[in-house]
Amino acid sequence: MRNGTIPILVIISILLFLIYNSKNEYYKKSKEFHEKTLNGEILEIAKSRGTKIYYDRNDFFYQSDYEGPELFVGDVIRKNGSEIMILRKDSKGDYIEVGKGKSVEPEKSYFNYFFGI
């Protein structure tokens, strides 16, 4: 019985480690986006488990890290601090401000974020 307990404990430990680290990329991206100043055009909105909004070929933020008017491909965002200005082309081809949003501040630590504390 004792020999069977050790492999089970190892498997449970590995599973707990994998679960804890599963949100690590998401948390890092959330922090990075909140702290970043950027100007960019939305190139793609990839809907999946966590909807990704691409503003450059390799740079994106998660939709859940943003609060404000709905964003569309082609919108231009200007982010300074937590404030985000959204610009959209009008019928003349000029960019006009259509609203303001903000970035959602992530938890102070990954532990708090993971457990929702």
Protein backbone atom coordinates (compact mmCIF):
# COMPACT_ATOMS: atom_id res chain seq x y z
CA MET A 1 0.00 0.00 0.00
CA ARG A 2 2.80 2.40 0.80
CA ASN A 3 4.47 1.84 -2.58
CA GLY A 4 1.22 2.72 -4.39
CA THR A 5 0.82 5.98 -2.47
CA ILE A 6 4.06 7.59 -3.70
CA PRO A 7 3.23 7.49 -7.44
CA ILE A 8 -0.24 8.89 -6.74
CA LEU A 9 1.25 11.76 -4.71
CA VAL A 10 3.72 12.49 -7.51
CA ILE A 11 0.93 12.54 -10.11
CA ILE A 12 -1.24 14.80 -7.94
CA SER A 13 1.71 17.16 -7.34
CA ILE A 14 2.42 17.39 -11.08
CA LEU A 15 -1.25 18.07 -11.86
CA LEU A 16 -1.46 20.80 -9.22
CA PHE A 17 1.71 22.39 -10.60
CA LEU A 18 0.33 22.34 -14.16
CA ILE A 19 -3.00 23.82 -13.09
CA TYR A 20 -1.30 26.59 -11.10
CA ASN A 21 0.92 27.53 -14.04
CA SER A 22 -1.87 27.30 -16.62
CA LYS A 23 -2.82 30.98 -16.22
CA ASN A 24 0.76 32.23 -16.05
CA GLU A 25 0.96 33.50 -19.67
CA TYR A 26 -2.41 35.19 -19.33
CA TYR A 27 -1.35 36.94 -16.11
CA LYS A 28 1.95 38.14 -17.63
CA LYS A 29 0.16 39.49 -20.72
CA SER A 30 -2.39 41.26 -18.51
CA LYS A 31 0.33 42.99 -16.50
CA GLU A 32 2.30 43.87 -19.63
CA PHE A 33 -0.74 45.40 -21.34
CA HIS A 34 -1.79 47.39 -18.27
CA GLU A 35 1.69 48.94 -17.91
CA LYS A 36 2.26 49.56 -21.62
CA THR A 37 1.83 52.78 -23.59
CA LEU A 38 0.84 52.03 -27.17
CA ASN A 39 -0.60 53.32 -30.41
CA GLY A 40 -1.80 50.70 -32.82
CA GLU A 41 -4.42 49.53 -35.23
CA ILE A 42 -6.44 46.44 -34.40
CA LEU A 43 -5.45 43.87 -37.01
CA GLU A 44 -7.30 40.81 -35.81
CA ILE A 45 -9.68 39.68 -33.10
CA ALA A 46 -9.11 35.98 -32.43
CA LYS A 47 -12.00 34.49 -30.50
CA SER A 48 -11.00 31.50 -28.39
CA ARG A 49 -10.82 30.55 -24.73
CA GLY A 50 -9.42 34.01 -24.09
CA THR A 51 -10.23 36.39 -26.96
CA LYS A 52 -7.01 37.98 -28.22
CA ILE A 53 -7.00 41.43 -29.80
CA TYR A 54 -3.94 41.87 -32.03
CA TYR A 55 -2.60 45.39 -32.56
CA ASP A 56 0.61 44.20 -34.21
CA ARG A 57 1.67 40.97 -35.87
CA ASN A 58 2.84 39.39 -32.60
CA ASP A 59 1.43 41.75 -29.97
CA PHE A 60 -2.00 41.32 -28.46
CA PHE A 61 -4.03 41.82 -25.33
CA TYR A 62 -6.90 39.81 -23.95
CA GLN A 63 -10.40 41.25 -24.31
CA SER A 64 -11.01 40.69 -20.60
CA ASP A 65 -8.20 43.17 -19.85
CA TYR A 66 -10.21 45.95 -21.52
CA GLU A 67 -13.39 47.77 -20.50
CA GLY A 68 -15.13 50.17 -22.86
CA PRO A 69 -16.84 50.41 -26.23
CA GLU A 70 -16.73 47.35 -28.48
CA LEU A 71 -13.58 47.13 -30.56
CA PHE A 72 -13.47 46.21 -34.25
CA VAL A 73 -10.74 45.31 -36.72
CA GLY A 74 -9.47 48.59 -38.19
CA ASP A 75 -9.98 50.62 -35.01
CA VAL A 76 -6.98 52.56 -33.79
CA ILE A 77 -6.25 52.51 -30.07
CA ARG A 78 -4.08 54.94 -28.15
CA LYS A 79 -3.25 53.78 -24.66
CA ASN A 80 -1.55 55.94 -22.07
CA GLY A 81 -1.63 54.71 -18.49
CA SER A 82 -4.90 52.88 -18.05
CA GLU A 83 -6.87 55.18 -20.41
CA ILE A 84 -7.55 53.95 -23.95
CA MET A 85 -8.84 56.22 -26.71
CA ILE A 86 -10.61 54.48 -29.61
CA LEU A 87 -10.51 56.01 -33.08
CA ARG A 88 -12.44 54.77 -36.11
CA LYS A 89 -12.54 55.87 -39.76
CA ASP A 90 -15.59 57.85 -40.77
CA SER A 91 -17.17 57.88 -44.23
CA LYS A 92 -14.56 60.44 -45.42
CA GLY A 93 -11.67 58.23 -44.33
CA ASP A 94 -10.72 60.46 -41.39
CA TYR A 95 -10.19 58.98 -37.94
CA ILE A 96 -12.59 60.24 -35.31
CA GLU A 97 -12.75 59.43 -31.62
CA VAL A 98 -15.62 57.05 -30.91
CA GLY A 99 -15.07 56.53 -27.22
CA LYS A 100 -12.76 55.85 -24.35
CA GLY A 101 -12.04 52.69 -22.48
CA LYS A 102 -9.59 51.56 -19.87
CA SER A 103 -7.31 48.67 -19.14
CA VAL A 104 -8.28 46.47 -16.23
CA GLU A 105 -5.62 46.40 -13.54
CA PRO A 106 -4.53 42.83 -12.80
CA GLU A 107 -4.07 41.53 -9.28
CA LYS A 108 -0.84 42.52 -7.52
CA SER A 109 0.48 38.96 -7.40
CA TYR A 110 -0.02 35.84 -9.46
CA PHE A 111 -1.09 33.93 -6.35
CA ASN A 112 -3.91 36.42 -5.69
CA TYR A 113 -4.86 36.41 -9.37
CA PHE A 114 -4.97 32.61 -9.58
CA PHE A 115 -7.12 32.18 -6.48
CA GLY A 116 -9.24 35.30 -7.06
CA ILE A 117 -8.27 36.84 -3.75
